[in-house]
Amino acid sequence: MTQEQSVAVYDSKELAESGYTIKDCDPIDCKGTIYWVLKPELRKLQNERIRVLAEQAGYKHPDAVGMCEDYAYFDHEKFAQLIVQECAEVAGKDVRHFVLKHFGVE
């Protein structure tokens, strides 16, 4: 399985629950079990807050720039820092400093 394919793997039940069909996917045979991977143009970030943070780190949805270019300017390090900062904010004043220091985020 390639790194690109590992983004979203569904068994038939998960696929049906997500509202996609087999036509939307590429099959992967893993030791005799078929899993379905959404085609790149159909993948989307499901969590709205994660999507916002990803966009701040340079993520462009395929609908905006074209398939396969959605991660061209994505800054993985900035994305990780944004997630750490978000977690520190949620943790509150008592823990915030320790979380940021642990991950080396200012």
PDB file of N, CA and C in Angstrom:
ATOM      1  N   MET A   1       0.850  -1.173   0.000  1.00  0.00           N
ATOM      2  CA  MET A   1       0.000   0.000   0.000  1.00  0.00           C
ATOM      3  C   MET A   1       0.894   1.235   0.000  1.00  0.00           C
ATOM      4  N   THR A   2       0.631   2.176  -0.868  1.00  0.00           N
ATOM      5  CA  THR A   2       1.431   3.386  -0.930  1.00  0.00           C
ATOM      6  C   THR A   2       0.990   4.348   0.160  1.00  0.00           C
ATOM      7  N   GLN A   3       1.843   5.336   0.421  1.00  0.00           N
ATOM      8  CA  GLN A   3       1.500   6.326   1.437  1.00  0.00           C
ATOM      9  C   GLN A   3       0.233   7.071   1.055  1.00  0.00           C
ATOM     10  N   GLU A   4       0.066   7.361  -0.222  1.00  0.00           N
ATOM     11  CA  GLU A   4      -1.119   8.070  -0.676  1.00  0.00           C
ATOM     12  C   GLU A   4      -2.380   7.252  -0.430  1.00  0.00           C
ATOM     13  N   GLN A   5      -2.305   5.949  -0.655  1.00  0.00           N
ATOM     14  CA  GLN A   5      -3.472   5.100  -0.469  1.00  0.00           C
ATOM     15  C   GLN A   5      -3.839   4.936   0.991  1.00  0.00           C
ATOM     16  N   SER A   6      -2.881   5.083   1.894  1.00  0.00           N
ATOM     17  CA  SER A   6      -3.156   4.828   3.298  1.00  0.00           C
ATOM     18  C   SER A   6      -3.957   5.944   3.963  1.00  0.00           C
ATOM     19  N   VAL A   7      -4.277   6.995   3.226  1.00  0.00           N
ATOM     20  CA  VAL A   7      -5.009   8.117   3.799  1.00  0.00           C
ATOM     21  C   VAL A   7      -6.372   7.693   4.325  1.00  0.00           C
ATOM     22  N   ALA A   8      -7.094   6.888   3.595  1.00  0.00           N
ATOM     23  CA  ALA A   8      -8.430   6.478   4.028  1.00  0.00           C
ATOM     24  C   ALA A   8      -8.705   5.070   3.528  1.00  0.00           C
ATOM     25  N   VAL A   9      -8.844   4.143   4.452  1.00  0.00           N
ATOM     26  CA  VAL A   9      -9.133   2.753   4.086  1.00  0.00           C
ATOM     27  C   VAL A   9     -10.444   2.358   4.740  1.00  0.00           C
ATOM     28  N   TYR A  10     -11.349   1.825   3.941  1.00  0.00           N
ATOM     29  CA  TYR A  10     -12.677   1.463   4.426  1.00  0.00           C
ATOM     30  C   TYR A  10     -12.963  -0.001   4.140  1.00  0.00           C
ATOM     31  N   ASP A  11     -13.629  -0.661   5.091  1.00  0.00           N
ATOM     32  CA  ASP A  11     -14.193  -1.954   4.735  1.00  0.00           C
ATOM     33  C   ASP A  11     -15.576  -1.646   4.140  1.00  0.00           C
ATOM     34  N   SER A  12     -16.262  -2.673   3.650  1.00  0.00           N
ATOM     35  CA  SER A  12     -17.525  -2.426   2.944  1.00  0.00           C
ATOM     36  C   SER A  12     -18.570  -1.734   3.824  1.00  0.00           C
ATOM     37  N   LYS A  13     -18.597  -2.046   5.122  1.00  0.00           N
ATOM     38  CA  LYS A  13     -19.559  -1.425   6.028  1.00  0.00           C
ATOM     39  C   LYS A  13     -19.255   0.070   6.197  1.00  0.00           C
ATOM     40  N   GLU A  14     -17.982   0.402   6.454  1.00  0.00           N
ATOM     41  CA  GLU A  14     -17.601   1.808   6.605  1.00  0.00           C
ATOM     42  C   GLU A  14     -17.852   2.589   5.320  1.00  0.00           C
ATOM     43  N   LEU A  15     -17.599   1.954   4.201  1.00  0.00           N
ATOM     44  CA  LEU A  15     -17.805   2.599   2.913  1.00  0.00           C
ATOM     45  C   LEU A  15     -19.273   2.980   2.740  1.00  0.00           C
ATOM     46  N   ALA A  16     -20.157   2.041   3.031  1.00  0.00           N
ATOM     47  CA  ALA A  16     -21.594   2.295   2.910  1.00  0.00           C
ATOM     48  C   ALA A  16     -22.044   3.390   3.879  1.00  0.00           C
ATOM     49  N   GLU A  17     -21.529   3.357   5.107  1.00  0.00           N
ATOM     50  CA  GLU A  17     -21.902   4.352   6.105  1.00  0.00           C
ATOM     51  C   GLU A  17     -21.419   5.752   5.734  1.00  0.00           C
ATOM     52  N   SER A  18     -20.314   5.828   4.998  1.00  0.00           N
ATOM     53  CA  SER A  18     -19.763   7.128   4.628  1.00  0.00           C
ATOM     54  C   SER A  18     -20.454   7.746   3.417  1.00  0.00           C
ATOM     55  N   GLY A  19     -21.323   6.974   2.758  1.00  0.00           N
ATOM     56  CA  GLY A  19     -22.059   7.493   1.631  1.00  0.00           C
ATOM     57  C   GLY A  19     -21.361   7.344   0.286  1.00  0.00           C
ATOM     58  N   TYR A  20     -20.270   6.598   0.253  1.00  0.00           N
ATOM     59  CA  TYR A  20     -19.545   6.369  -0.995  1.00  0.00           C
ATOM     60  C   TYR A  20     -19.884   4.988  -1.543  1.00  0.00           C
ATOM     61  N   THR A  21     -19.575   4.784  -2.805  1.00  0.00           N
ATOM     62  CA  THR A  21     -19.772   3.484  -3.431  1.00  0.00           C
ATOM     63  C   THR A  21     -18.427   2.940  -3.876  1.00  0.00           C
ATOM     64  N   ILE A  22     -18.424   1.696  -4.301  1.00  0.00           N
ATOM     65  CA  ILE A  22     -17.201   1.050  -4.777  1.00  0.00           C
ATOM     66  C   ILE A  22     -16.614   1.819  -5.962  1.00  0.00           C
ATOM     67  N   LYS A  23     -17.461   2.444  -6.762  1.00  0.00           N
ATOM     68  CA  LYS A  23     -16.987   3.218  -7.912  1.00  0.00           C
ATOM     69  C   LYS A  23     -16.135   4.415  -7.495  1.00  0.00           C
ATOM     70  N   ASP A  24     -16.295   4.856  -6.236  1.00  0.00           N
ATOM     71  CA  ASP A  24     -15.544   5.996  -5.720  1.00  0.00           C
ATOM     72  C   ASP A  24     -14.166   5.594  -5.200  1.00  0.00           C
ATOM     73  N   CYS A  25     -13.859   4.293  -5.239  1.00  0.00           N
ATOM     74  CA  CYS A  25     -12.673   3.784  -4.566  1.00  0.00           C
ATOM     75  C   CYS A  25     -11.793   2.925  -5.462  1.00  0.00           C
ATOM     76  N   ASP A  26     -10.588   2.706  -4.960  1.00  0.00           N
ATOM     77  CA  ASP A  26      -9.671   1.735  -5.536  1.00  0.00           C
ATOM     78  C   ASP A  26      -9.573   0.577  -4.542  1.00  0.00           C
ATOM     79  N   PRO A  27      -9.640  -0.688  -4.998  1.00  0.00           N
ATOM     80  CA  PRO A  27      -9.567  -1.816  -4.070  1.00  0.00           C
ATOM     81  C   PRO A  27      -8.124  -2.125  -3.664  1.00  0.00           C
ATOM     82  N   ILE A  28      -7.980  -2.592  -2.429  1.00  0.00           N
ATOM     83  CA  ILE A  28      -6.701  -3.079  -1.926  1.00  0.00           C
ATOM     84  C   ILE A  28      -6.952  -4.450  -1.316  1.00  0.00           C
ATOM     85  N   ASP A  29      -6.182  -5.431  -1.733  1.00  0.00           N
ATOM     86  CA  ASP A  29      -6.300  -6.783  -1.187  1.00  0.00           C
ATOM     87  C   ASP A  29      -5.239  -6.943  -0.104  1.00  0.00           C
ATOM     88  N   CYS A  30      -5.682  -7.143   1.105  1.00  0.00           N
ATOM     89  CA  CYS A  30      -4.774  -7.316   2.239  1.00  0.00           C
ATOM     90  C   CYS A  30      -5.025  -8.690   2.853  1.00  0.00           C
ATOM     91  N   LYS A  31      -4.174  -9.633   2.501  1.00  0.00           N
ATOM     92  CA  LYS A  31      -4.282 -11.009   3.009  1.00  0.00           C
ATOM     93  C   LYS A  31      -5.674 -11.586   2.769  1.00  0.00           C
ATOM     94  N   GLY A  32      -6.194 -11.358   1.561  1.00  0.00           N
ATOM     95  CA  GLY A  32      -7.478 -11.934   1.193  1.00  0.00           C
ATOM     96  C   GLY A  32      -8.687 -11.095   1.557  1.00  0.00           C
ATOM     97  N   THR A  33      -8.497 -10.005   2.278  1.00  0.00           N
ATOM     98  CA  THR A  33      -9.596  -9.110   2.613  1.00  0.00           C
ATOM     99  C   THR A  33      -9.490  -7.881   1.734  1.00  0.00           C
ATOM    100  N   ILE A  34     -10.591  -7.518   1.102  1.00  0.00           N
ATOM    101  CA  ILE A  34     -10.604  -6.347   0.231  1.00  0.00           C
ATOM    102  C   ILE A  34     -10.990  -5.117   1.052  1.00  0.00           C
ATOM    103  N   TYR A  35     -10.158  -4.096   0.958  1.00  0.00           N
ATOM    104  CA  TYR A  35     -10.446  -2.793   1.553  1.00  0.00           C
ATOM    105  C   TYR A  35     -10.571  -1.795   0.412  1.00  0.00           C
ATOM    106  N   TRP A  36     -11.243  -0.701   0.673  1.00  0.00           N
ATOM    107  CA  TRP A  36     -11.484   0.301  -0.359  1.00  0.00           C
ATOM    108  C   TRP A  36     -10.867   1.612   0.066  1.00  0.00           C
ATOM    109  N   VAL A  37     -10.109   2.214  -0.850  1.00  0.00           N
ATOM    110  CA  VAL A  37      -9.439   3.483  -0.603  1.00  0.00           C
ATOM    111  C   VAL A  37     -10.073   4.529  -1.507  1.00  0.00           C
ATOM    112  N   LEU A  38     -10.544   5.604  -0.907  1.00  0.00           N
ATOM    113  CA  LEU A  38     -11.160   6.648  -1.715  1.00  0.00           C
ATOM    114  C   LEU A  38     -10.168   7.191  -2.728  1.00  0.00           C
ATOM    115  N   LYS A  39     -10.645   7.431  -3.926  1.00  0.00           N
ATOM    116  CA  LYS A  39      -9.805   8.044  -4.949  1.00  0.00           C
ATOM    117  C   LYS A  39      -9.397   9.434  -4.454  1.00  0.00           C
ATOM    118  N   PRO A  40      -8.187   9.855  -4.788  1.00  0.00           N
ATOM    119  CA  PRO A  40      -7.669  11.118  -4.236  1.00  0.00           C
ATOM    120  C   PRO A  40      -8.608  12.307  -4.386  1.00  0.00           C
ATOM    121  N   GLU A  41      -9.294  12.409  -5.496  1.00  0.00           N
ATOM    122  CA  GLU A  41     -10.161  13.568  -5.706  1.00  0.00           C
ATOM    123  C   GLU A  41     -11.382  13.577  -4.792  1.00  0.00           C
ATOM    124  N   LEU A  42     -11.685  12.445  -4.149  1.00  0.00           N
ATOM    125  CA  LEU A  42     -12.858  12.372  -3.270  1.00  0.00           C
ATOM    126  C   LEU A  42     -12.513  12.478  -1.795  1.00  0.00           C
ATOM    127  N   ARG A  43     -11.230  12.427  -1.480  1.00  0.00           N
ATOM    128  CA  ARG A  43     -10.843  12.520  -0.066  1.00  0.00           C
ATOM    129  C   ARG A  43     -11.114  13.924   0.442  1.00  0.00           C
ATOM    130  N   LYS A  44     -11.554  13.992   1.650  1.00  0.00           N
ATOM    131  CA  LYS A  44     -11.791  15.290   2.265  1.00  0.00           C
ATOM    132  C   LYS A  44     -11.493  15.203   3.742  1.00  0.00           C
ATOM    133  N   LEU A  45     -11.163  16.334   4.314  1.00  0.00           N
ATOM    134  CA  LEU A  45     -10.950  16.383   5.757  1.00  0.00           C
ATOM    135  C   LEU A  45     -12.318  16.467   6.417  1.00  0.00           C
ATOM    136  N   GLN A  46     -12.596  15.529   7.306  1.00  0.00           N
ATOM    137  CA  GLN A  46     -13.925  15.423   7.891  1.00  0.00           C
ATOM    138  C   GLN A  46     -14.121  16.372   9.081  1.00  0.00           C
ATOM    139  N   ASN A  47     -13.089  16.633   9.826  1.00  0.00           N
ATOM    140  CA  ASN A  47     -13.206  17.468  11.011  1.00  0.00           C
ATOM    141  C   ASN A  47     -13.001  18.928  10.616  1.00  0.00           C
ATOM    142  N   GLU A  48     -13.986  19.758  10.854  1.00  0.00           N
ATOM    143  CA  GLU A  48     -13.935  21.152  10.416  1.00  0.00           C
ATOM    144  C   GLU A  48     -12.753  21.903  11.034  1.00  0.00           C
ATOM    145  N   ARG A  49     -12.482  21.699  12.297  1.00  0.00           N
ATOM    146  CA  ARG A  49     -11.373  22.424  12.939  1.00  0.00           C
ATOM    147  C   ARG A  49     -10.035  21.977  12.356  1.00  0.00           C
ATOM    148  N   ILE A  50      -9.873  20.686  12.109  1.00  0.00           N
ATOM    149  CA  ILE A  50      -8.650  20.184  11.483  1.00  0.00           C
ATOM    150  C   ILE A  50      -8.513  20.771  10.084  1.00  0.00           C
ATOM    151  N   ARG A  51      -9.615  20.873   9.347  1.00  0.00           N
ATOM    152  CA  ARG A  51      -9.572  21.458   8.008  1.00  0.00           C
ATOM    153  C   ARG A  51      -9.082  22.902   8.056  1.00  0.00           C
ATOM    154  N   VAL A  52      -9.582  23.672   9.025  1.00  0.00           N
ATOM    155  CA  VAL A  52      -9.170  25.067   9.157  1.00  0.00           C
ATOM    156  C   VAL A  52      -7.678  25.162   9.467  1.00  0.00           C
ATOM    157  N   LEU A  53      -7.198  24.336  10.388  1.00  0.00           N
ATOM    158  CA  LEU A  53      -5.767  24.344  10.731  1.00  0.00           C
ATOM    159  C   LEU A  53      -4.921  23.916   9.537  1.00  0.00           C
ATOM    160  N   ALA A  54      -5.385  22.918   8.801  1.00  0.00           N
ATOM    161  CA  ALA A  54      -4.660  22.453   7.621  1.00  0.00           C
ATOM    162  C   ALA A  54      -4.577  23.559   6.570  1.00  0.00           C
ATOM    163  N   GLU A  55      -5.651  24.306   6.391  1.00  0.00           N
ATOM    164  CA  GLU A  55      -5.632  25.405   5.430  1.00  0.00           C
ATOM    165  C   GLU A  55      -4.656  26.492   5.866  1.00  0.00           C
ATOM    166  N   GLN A  56      -4.571  26.735   7.175  1.00  0.00           N
ATOM    167  CA  GLN A  56      -3.608  27.712   7.678  1.00  0.00           C
ATOM    168  C   GLN A  56      -2.167  27.255   7.424  1.00  0.00           C
ATOM    169  N   ALA A  57      -1.986  25.941   7.292  1.00  0.00           N
ATOM    170  CA  ALA A  57      -0.658  25.380   7.014  1.00  0.00           C
ATOM    171  C   ALA A  57      -0.423  25.201   5.512  1.00  0.00           C
ATOM    172  N   GLY A  58      -1.324  25.696   4.679  1.00  0.00           N
ATOM    173  CA  GLY A  58      -1.118  25.667   3.238  1.00  0.00           C
ATOM    174  C   GLY A  58      -1.905  24.635   2.468  1.00  0.00           C
ATOM    175  N   TYR A  59      -2.738  23.842   3.132  1.00  0.00           N
ATOM    176  CA  TYR A  59      -3.535  22.837   2.434  1.00  0.00           C
ATOM    177  C   TYR A  59      -4.539  23.516   1.526  1.00  0.00           C
ATOM    178  N   LYS A  60      -4.632  23.045   0.307  1.00  0.00           N
ATOM    179  CA  LYS A  60      -5.633  23.519  -0.647  1.00  0.00           C
ATOM    180  C   LYS A  60      -6.456  22.320  -1.074  1.00  0.00           C
ATOM    181  N   HIS A  61      -7.761  22.392  -0.889  1.00  0.00           N
ATOM    182  CA  HIS A  61      -8.635  21.282  -1.268  1.00  0.00           C
ATOM    183  C   HIS A  61      -8.566  21.085  -2.770  1.00  0.00           C
ATOM    184  N   PRO A  62      -8.612  19.827  -3.231  1.00  0.00           N
ATOM    185  CA  PRO A  62      -8.539  19.569  -4.679  1.00  0.00           C
ATOM    186  C   PRO A  62      -9.536  20.368  -5.508  1.00  0.00           C
ATOM    187  N   ASP A  63     -10.703  20.660  -4.947  1.00  0.00           N
ATOM    188  CA  ASP A  63     -11.685  21.449  -5.685  1.00  0.00           C
ATOM    189  C   ASP A  63     -11.174  22.862  -5.972  1.00  0.00           C
ATOM    190  N   ALA A  64     -10.256  23.334  -5.124  1.00  0.00           N
ATOM    191  CA  ALA A  64      -9.765  24.704  -5.264  1.00  0.00           C
ATOM    192  C   ALA A  64      -8.642  24.830  -6.292  1.00  0.00           C
ATOM    193  N   VAL A  65      -7.776  23.844  -6.387  1.00  0.00           N
ATOM    194  CA  VAL A  65      -6.615  23.980  -7.268  1.00  0.00           C
ATOM    195  C   VAL A  65      -6.438  22.858  -8.271  1.00  0.00           C
ATOM    196  N   GLY A  66      -7.145  21.797  -8.119  1.00  0.00           N
ATOM    197  CA  GLY A  66      -6.987  20.671  -9.038  1.00  0.00           C
ATOM    198  C   GLY A  66      -6.398  19.468  -8.333  1.00  0.00           C
ATOM    199  N   MET A  67      -6.808  18.299  -8.771  1.00  0.00           N
ATOM    200  CA  MET A  67      -6.392  17.050  -8.164  1.00  0.00           C
ATOM    201  C   MET A  67      -4.871  16.925  -8.143  1.00  0.00           C
ATOM    202  N   CYS A  68      -4.341  16.361  -7.095  1.00  0.00           N
ATOM    203  CA  CYS A  68      -2.924  16.075  -6.891  1.00  0.00           C
ATOM    204  C   CYS A  68      -2.102  17.309  -6.542  1.00  0.00           C
ATOM    205  N   GLU A  69      -2.692  18.477  -6.523  1.00  0.00           N
ATOM    206  CA  GLU A  69      -1.961  19.670  -6.129  1.00  0.00           C
ATOM    207  C   GLU A  69      -2.360  20.141  -4.735  1.00  0.00           C
ATOM    208  N   ASP A  70      -3.240  19.403  -4.059  1.00  0.00           N
ATOM    209  CA  ASP A  70      -3.780  19.858  -2.790  1.00  0.00           C
ATOM    210  C   ASP A  70      -2.745  19.949  -1.680  1.00  0.00           C
ATOM    211  N   TYR A  71      -1.638  19.206  -1.752  1.00  0.00           N
ATOM    212  CA  TYR A  71      -0.601  19.266  -0.730  1.00  0.00           C
ATOM    213  C   TYR A  71       0.673  19.940  -1.234  1.00  0.00           C
ATOM    214  N   ALA A  72       0.631  20.585  -2.385  1.00  0.00           N
ATOM    215  CA  ALA A  72       1.837  21.167  -2.979  1.00  0.00           C
ATOM    216  C   ALA A  72       2.505  22.182  -2.058  1.00  0.00           C
ATOM    217  N   TYR A  73       1.745  22.943  -1.323  1.00  0.00           N
ATOM    218  CA  TYR A  73       2.303  23.983  -0.454  1.00  0.00           C
ATOM    219  C   TYR A  73       2.031  23.713   1.021  1.00  0.00           C
ATOM    220  N   PHE A  74       1.696  22.486   1.344  1.00  0.00           N
ATOM    221  CA  PHE A  74       1.346  22.127   2.714  1.00  0.00           C
ATOM    222  C   PHE A  74       2.592  22.070   3.586  1.00  0.00           C
ATOM    223  N   ASP A  75       2.580  22.793   4.698  1.00  0.00           N
ATOM    224  CA  ASP A  75       3.707  22.836   5.631  1.00  0.00           C
ATOM    225  C   ASP A  75       3.381  21.930   6.818  1.00  0.00           C
ATOM    226  N   HIS A  76       3.926  20.722   6.802  1.00  0.00           N
ATOM    227  CA  HIS A  76       3.627  19.733   7.848  1.00  0.00           C
ATOM    228  C   HIS A  76       4.042  20.223   9.232  1.00  0.00           C
ATOM    229  N   GLU A  77       5.180  20.879   9.311  1.00  0.00           N
ATOM    230  CA  GLU A  77       5.660  21.370  10.612  1.00  0.00           C
ATOM    231  C   GLU A  77       4.715  22.437  11.168  1.00  0.00           C
ATOM    232  N   LYS A  78       4.288  23.357  10.330  1.00  0.00           N
ATOM    233  CA  LYS A  78       3.351  24.388  10.784  1.00  0.00           C
ATOM    234  C   LYS A  78       2.036  23.753  11.227  1.00  0.00           C
ATOM    235  N   PHE A  79       1.565  22.754  10.477  1.00  0.00           N
ATOM    236  CA  PHE A  79       0.331  22.061  10.837  1.00  0.00           C
ATOM    237  C   PHE A  79       0.459  21.428  12.226  1.00  0.00           C
ATOM    238  N   ALA A  80       1.579  20.764  12.494  1.00  0.00           N
ATOM    239  CA  ALA A  80       1.803  20.148  13.804  1.00  0.00           C
ATOM    240  C   ALA A  80       1.828  21.216  14.902  1.00  0.00           C
ATOM    241  N   GLN A  81       2.482  22.336  14.632  1.00  0.00           N
ATOM    242  CA  GLN A  81       2.538  23.419  15.622  1.00  0.00           C
ATOM    243  C   GLN A  81       1.149  23.975  15.911  1.00  0.00           C
ATOM    244  N   LEU A  82       0.351  24.133  14.878  1.00  0.00           N
ATOM    245  CA  LEU A  82      -1.010  24.636  15.072  1.00  0.00           C
ATOM    246  C   LEU A  82      -1.845  23.682  15.918  1.00  0.00           C
ATOM    247  N   ILE A  83      -1.680  22.391  15.697  1.00  0.00           N
ATOM    248  CA  ILE A  83      -2.417  21.406  16.500  1.00  0.00           C
ATOM    249  C   ILE A  83      -1.968  21.462  17.951  1.00  0.00           C
ATOM    250  N   VAL A  84      -0.651  21.551  18.191  1.00  0.00           N
ATOM    251  CA  VAL A  84      -0.130  21.643  19.559  1.00  0.00           C
ATOM    252  C   VAL A  84      -0.667  22.904  20.234  1.00  0.00           C
ATOM    253  N   GLN A  85      -0.653  24.033  19.526  1.00  0.00           N
ATOM    254  CA  GLN A  85      -1.167  25.275  20.096  1.00  0.00           C
ATOM    255  C   GLN A  85      -2.652  25.152  20.443  1.00  0.00           C
ATOM    256  N   GLU A  86      -3.407  24.512  19.565  1.00  0.00           N
ATOM    257  CA  GLU A  86      -4.842  24.304  19.811  1.00  0.00           C
ATOM    258  C   GLU A  86      -5.057  23.445  21.056  1.00  0.00           C
ATOM    259  N   CYS A  87      -4.285  22.375  21.178  1.00  0.00           N
ATOM    260  CA  CYS A  87      -4.394  21.499  22.352  1.00  0.00           C
ATOM    261  C   CYS A  87      -4.016  22.248  23.623  1.00  0.00           C
ATOM    262  N   ALA A  88      -2.977  23.074  23.540  1.00  0.00           N
ATOM    263  CA  ALA A  88      -2.545  23.843  24.708  1.00  0.00           C
ATOM    264  C   ALA A  88      -3.625  24.824  25.141  1.00  0.00           C
ATOM    265  N   GLU A  89      -4.297  25.433  24.176  1.00  0.00           N
ATOM    266  CA  GLU A  89      -5.379  26.359  24.501  1.00  0.00           C
ATOM    267  C   GLU A  89      -6.519  25.642  25.218  1.00  0.00           C
ATOM    268  N   VAL A  90      -6.851  24.469  24.736  1.00  0.00           N
ATOM    269  CA  VAL A  90      -7.937  23.690  25.330  1.00  0.00           C
ATOM    270  C   VAL A  90      -7.554  23.208  26.726  1.00  0.00           C
ATOM    271  N   ALA A  91      -6.263  22.905  26.925  1.00  0.00           N
ATOM    272  CA  ALA A  91      -5.791  22.386  28.217  1.00  0.00           C
ATOM    273  C   ALA A  91      -5.921  23.407  29.328  1.00  0.00           C
ATOM    274  N   GLY A  92      -5.887  24.668  29.007  1.00  0.00           N
ATOM    275  CA  GLY A  92      -6.034  25.710  30.009  1.00  0.00           C
ATOM    276  C   GLY A  92      -4.705  26.248  30.498  1.00  0.00           C
ATOM    277  N   LYS A  93      -4.788  27.307  31.303  1.00  0.00           N
ATOM    278  CA  LYS A  93      -3.598  28.035  31.756  1.00  0.00           C
ATOM    279  C   LYS A  93      -2.608  27.168  32.516  1.00  0.00           C
ATOM    280  N   ASP A  94      -3.079  26.291  33.371  1.00  0.00           N
ATOM    281  CA  ASP A  94      -2.184  25.497  34.213  1.00  0.00           C
ATOM    282  C   ASP A  94      -1.315  24.538  33.409  1.00  0.00           C
ATOM    283  N   VAL A  95      -1.805  24.053  32.310  1.00  0.00           N
ATOM    284  CA  VAL A  95      -1.095  23.032  31.531  1.00  0.00           C
ATOM    285  C   VAL A  95      -0.491  23.603  30.253  1.00  0.00           C
ATOM    286  N   ARG A  96      -1.018  24.709  29.780  1.00  0.00           N
ATOM    287  CA  ARG A  96      -0.621  25.285  28.491  1.00  0.00           C
ATOM    288  C   ARG A  96       0.887  25.412  28.335  1.00  0.00           C
ATOM    289  N   HIS A  97       1.553  26.016  29.296  1.00  0.00           N
ATOM    290  CA  HIS A  97       2.999  26.235  29.225  1.00  0.00           C
ATOM    291  C   HIS A  97       3.754  24.916  29.071  1.00  0.00           C
ATOM    292  N   PHE A  98       3.367  23.900  29.821  1.00  0.00           N
ATOM    293  CA  PHE A  98       4.057  22.604  29.768  1.00  0.00           C
ATOM    294  C   PHE A  98       3.869  21.901  28.421  1.00  0.00           C
ATOM    295  N   VAL A  99       2.675  22.014  27.869  1.00  0.00           N
ATOM    296  CA  VAL A  99       2.409  21.400  26.562  1.00  0.00           C
ATOM    297  C   VAL A  99       3.263  22.072  25.489  1.00  0.00           C
ATOM    298  N   LEU A 100       3.261  23.389  25.468  1.00  0.00           N
ATOM    299  CA  LEU A 100       4.042  24.121  24.470  1.00  0.00           C
ATOM    300  C   LEU A 100       5.538  23.850  24.623  1.00  0.00           C
ATOM    301  N   LYS A 101       6.016  23.849  25.859  1.00  0.00           N
ATOM    302  CA  LYS A 101       7.432  23.596  26.109  1.00  0.00           C
ATOM    303  C   LYS A 101       7.814  22.178  25.694  1.00  0.00           C
ATOM    304  N   HIS A 102       6.969  21.212  26.007  1.00  0.00           N
ATOM    305  CA  HIS A 102       7.252  19.815  25.667  1.00  0.00           C
ATOM    306  C   HIS A 102       7.445  19.631  24.155  1.00  0.00           C
ATOM    307  N   PHE A 103       6.625  20.306  23.364  1.00  0.00           N
ATOM    308  CA  PHE A 103       6.690  20.165  21.907  1.00  0.00           C
ATOM    309  C   PHE A 103       7.558  21.241  21.253  1.00  0.00           C
ATOM    310  N   GLY A 104       8.125  22.140  22.044  1.00  0.00           N
ATOM    311  CA  GLY A 104       8.995  23.168  21.494  1.00  0.00           C
ATOM    312  C   GLY A 104       8.270  24.177  20.637  1.00  0.00           C
ATOM    313  N   VAL A 105       7.048  24.491  21.005  1.00  0.00           N
ATOM    314  CA  VAL A 105       6.230  25.424  20.244  1.00  0.00           C
ATOM    315  C   VAL A 105       6.096  26.708  21.060  1.00  0.00           C
ATOM    316  N   GLU A 106       6.251  27.837  20.390  1.00  0.00           N
ATOM    317  CA  GLU A 106       6.121  29.127  21.082  1.00  0.00           C
ATOM    318  C   GLU A 106       4.748  29.719  20.876  1.00  0.00           C
TER     319      GLU A 106
END
